[in-house]
Amino acid sequence: MTDFNFYLNDFSGYTIPEDEFGYYAARAFEQVSAFTLGRAEEDDETTKAAVCAIAEILYETEGRCGLSSESADGYSRKPCK
């Protein structure tokens, strides 16, 4: 399983907080596994990198950072760390 240490040090990730990483990594691995028809190996470096990339996308699209509200006269944005 891809862990936060790999995300932080090997992938150079910074968007997902450590306490939320496991949730998003598990969901991302499900998608990688589906994309590869169940052939993804959890300990493979390429798989781990794909899991990190997808986990960041999931995190960002679920409102944790980025566009937080929009109106006719503008918008507000939550910064990603």
C-alpha atoms as a PDB file:
ATOM      1  CA  MET A   1       0.000   0.000   0.000  1.00  0.00           C
ATOM      2  CA  THR A   2       1.214   3.496  -0.794  1.00  0.00           C
ATOM      3  CA  ASP A   3       2.052   5.282   2.446  1.00  0.00           C
ATOM      4  CA  PHE A   4       2.440   8.925   3.386  1.00  0.00           C
ATOM      5  CA  ASN A   5       6.233   8.593   3.519  1.00  0.00           C
ATOM      6  CA  PHE A   6       6.318   7.611  -0.177  1.00  0.00           C
ATOM      7  CA  TYR A   7       3.875  10.423  -1.008  1.00  0.00           C
ATOM      8  CA  LEU A   8       5.947  13.041   0.795  1.00  0.00           C
ATOM      9  CA  ASN A   9       9.493  11.944  -0.037  1.00  0.00           C
ATOM     10  CA  ASP A  10       9.398   9.997  -3.311  1.00  0.00           C
ATOM     11  CA  PHE A  11       6.385  11.568  -5.008  1.00  0.00           C
ATOM     12  CA  SER A  12       7.144  15.010  -3.478  1.00  0.00           C
ATOM     13  CA  GLY A  13       3.498  15.501  -2.616  1.00  0.00           C
ATOM     14  CA  TYR A  14       2.331  18.333  -0.396  1.00  0.00           C
ATOM     15  CA  THR A  15      -1.396  18.742  -1.029  1.00  0.00           C
ATOM     16  CA  ILE A  16      -2.936  16.006   1.145  1.00  0.00           C
ATOM     17  CA  PRO A  17      -2.494  16.182   4.938  1.00  0.00           C
ATOM     18  CA  GLU A  18      -1.074  13.061   6.578  1.00  0.00           C
ATOM     19  CA  ASP A  19      -4.227  12.316   8.560  1.00  0.00           C
ATOM     20  CA  GLU A  20      -6.302  12.178   5.350  1.00  0.00           C
ATOM     21  CA  PHE A  21      -3.819  10.477   3.043  1.00  0.00           C
ATOM     22  CA  GLY A  22      -4.803   6.875   3.829  1.00  0.00           C
ATOM     23  CA  TYR A  23      -8.419   7.479   2.852  1.00  0.00           C
ATOM     24  CA  TYR A  24      -7.550   9.029  -0.507  1.00  0.00           C
ATOM     25  CA  ALA A  25      -4.769   6.527  -1.240  1.00  0.00           C
ATOM     26  CA  ALA A  26      -7.159   3.613  -0.722  1.00  0.00           C
ATOM     27  CA  ARG A  27      -9.737   5.154  -3.036  1.00  0.00           C
ATOM     28  CA  ALA A  28      -7.054   5.945  -5.612  1.00  0.00           C
ATOM     29  CA  PHE A  29      -5.711   2.390  -5.535  1.00  0.00           C
ATOM     30  CA  GLU A  30      -9.219   1.096  -6.263  1.00  0.00           C
ATOM     31  CA  GLN A  31      -9.234   3.228  -9.406  1.00  0.00           C
ATOM     32  CA  VAL A  32      -5.733   2.159 -10.469  1.00  0.00           C
ATOM     33  CA  SER A  33      -6.747  -1.452  -9.942  1.00  0.00           C
ATOM     34  CA  ALA A  34      -9.866  -0.949 -12.056  1.00  0.00           C
ATOM     35  CA  PHE A  35      -7.888   0.792 -14.821  1.00  0.00           C
ATOM     36  CA  THR A  36      -5.428  -2.107 -14.940  1.00  0.00           C
ATOM     37  CA  LEU A  37      -8.131  -4.783 -14.718  1.00  0.00           C
ATOM     38  CA  GLY A  38      -6.842  -5.906 -11.321  1.00  0.00           C
ATOM     39  CA  ARG A  39      -3.218  -6.280 -12.393  1.00  0.00           C
ATOM     40  CA  ALA A  40      -1.787  -3.355 -10.405  1.00  0.00           C
ATOM     41  CA  GLU A  41       0.752  -4.450  -7.810  1.00  0.00           C
ATOM     42  CA  GLU A  42       0.603  -2.417  -4.599  1.00  0.00           C
ATOM     43  CA  ASP A  43       4.381  -2.414  -4.054  1.00  0.00           C
ATOM     44  CA  ASP A  44       5.292  -1.335  -7.602  1.00  0.00           C
ATOM     45  CA  GLU A  45       6.835   2.157  -7.753  1.00  0.00           C
ATOM     46  CA  THR A  46       4.807   3.109 -10.828  1.00  0.00           C
ATOM     47  CA  THR A  47       1.597   2.013  -9.128  1.00  0.00           C
ATOM     48  CA  LYS A  48       2.476   4.013  -6.019  1.00  0.00           C
ATOM     49  CA  ALA A  49       3.106   7.135  -8.121  1.00  0.00           C
ATOM     50  CA  ALA A  50      -0.222   6.664  -9.927  1.00  0.00           C
ATOM     51  CA  VAL A  51      -1.987   6.233  -6.585  1.00  0.00           C
ATOM     52  CA  CYS A  52      -0.448   9.486  -5.323  1.00  0.00           C
ATOM     53  CA  ALA A  53      -1.438  11.412  -8.448  1.00  0.00           C
ATOM     54  CA  ILE A  54      -5.021  10.151  -8.376  1.00  0.00           C
ATOM     55  CA  ALA A  55      -5.263  10.697  -4.608  1.00  0.00           C
ATOM     56  CA  GLU A  56      -4.336  14.358  -5.115  1.00  0.00           C
ATOM     57  CA  ILE A  57      -6.970  14.740  -7.814  1.00  0.00           C
ATOM     58  CA  LEU A  58      -9.614  13.173  -5.571  1.00  0.00           C
ATOM     59  CA  TYR A  59      -8.586  15.403  -2.671  1.00  0.00           C
ATOM     60  CA  GLU A  60      -8.665  18.559  -4.767  1.00  0.00           C
ATOM     61  CA  THR A  61     -11.976  17.810  -6.474  1.00  0.00           C
ATOM     62  CA  GLU A  62     -13.773  17.118  -3.220  1.00  0.00           C
ATOM     63  CA  GLY A  63     -13.520  20.735  -2.112  1.00  0.00           C
ATOM     64  CA  ARG A  64     -10.540  20.481   0.219  1.00  0.00           C
ATOM     65  CA  CYS A  65      -8.734  23.168  -1.736  1.00  0.00           C
ATOM     66  CA  GLY A  66      -9.308  25.210  -4.837  1.00  0.00           C
ATOM     67  CA  LEU A  67     -12.566  26.932  -5.716  1.00  0.00           C
ATOM     68  CA  SER A  68     -14.706  27.141  -2.593  1.00  0.00           C
ATOM     69  CA  SER A  69     -17.558  29.376  -3.723  1.00  0.00           C
ATOM     70  CA  GLU A  70     -18.665  31.287  -6.765  1.00  0.00           C
ATOM     71  CA  SER A  71     -21.080  34.152  -7.316  1.00  0.00           C
ATOM     72  CA  ALA A  72     -22.038  36.597 -10.060  1.00  0.00           C
ATOM     73  CA  ASP A  73     -19.423  39.108  -8.915  1.00  0.00           C
ATOM     74  CA  GLY A  74     -16.503  36.798  -8.161  1.00  0.00           C
ATOM     75  CA  TYR A  75     -15.284  33.707  -6.405  1.00  0.00           C
ATOM     76  CA  SER A  76     -13.207  32.690  -3.432  1.00  0.00           C
ATOM     77  CA  ARG A  77     -10.490  30.107  -3.417  1.00  0.00           C
ATOM     78  CA  LYS A  78      -9.033  27.940  -0.659  1.00  0.00           C
ATOM     79  CA  PRO A  79      -5.269  27.667  -1.091  1.00  0.00           C
ATOM     80  CA  CYS A  80      -3.608  24.275  -1.409  1.00  0.00           C
ATOM     81  CA  LYS A  81      -0.699  23.944   0.985  1.00  0.00           C
END
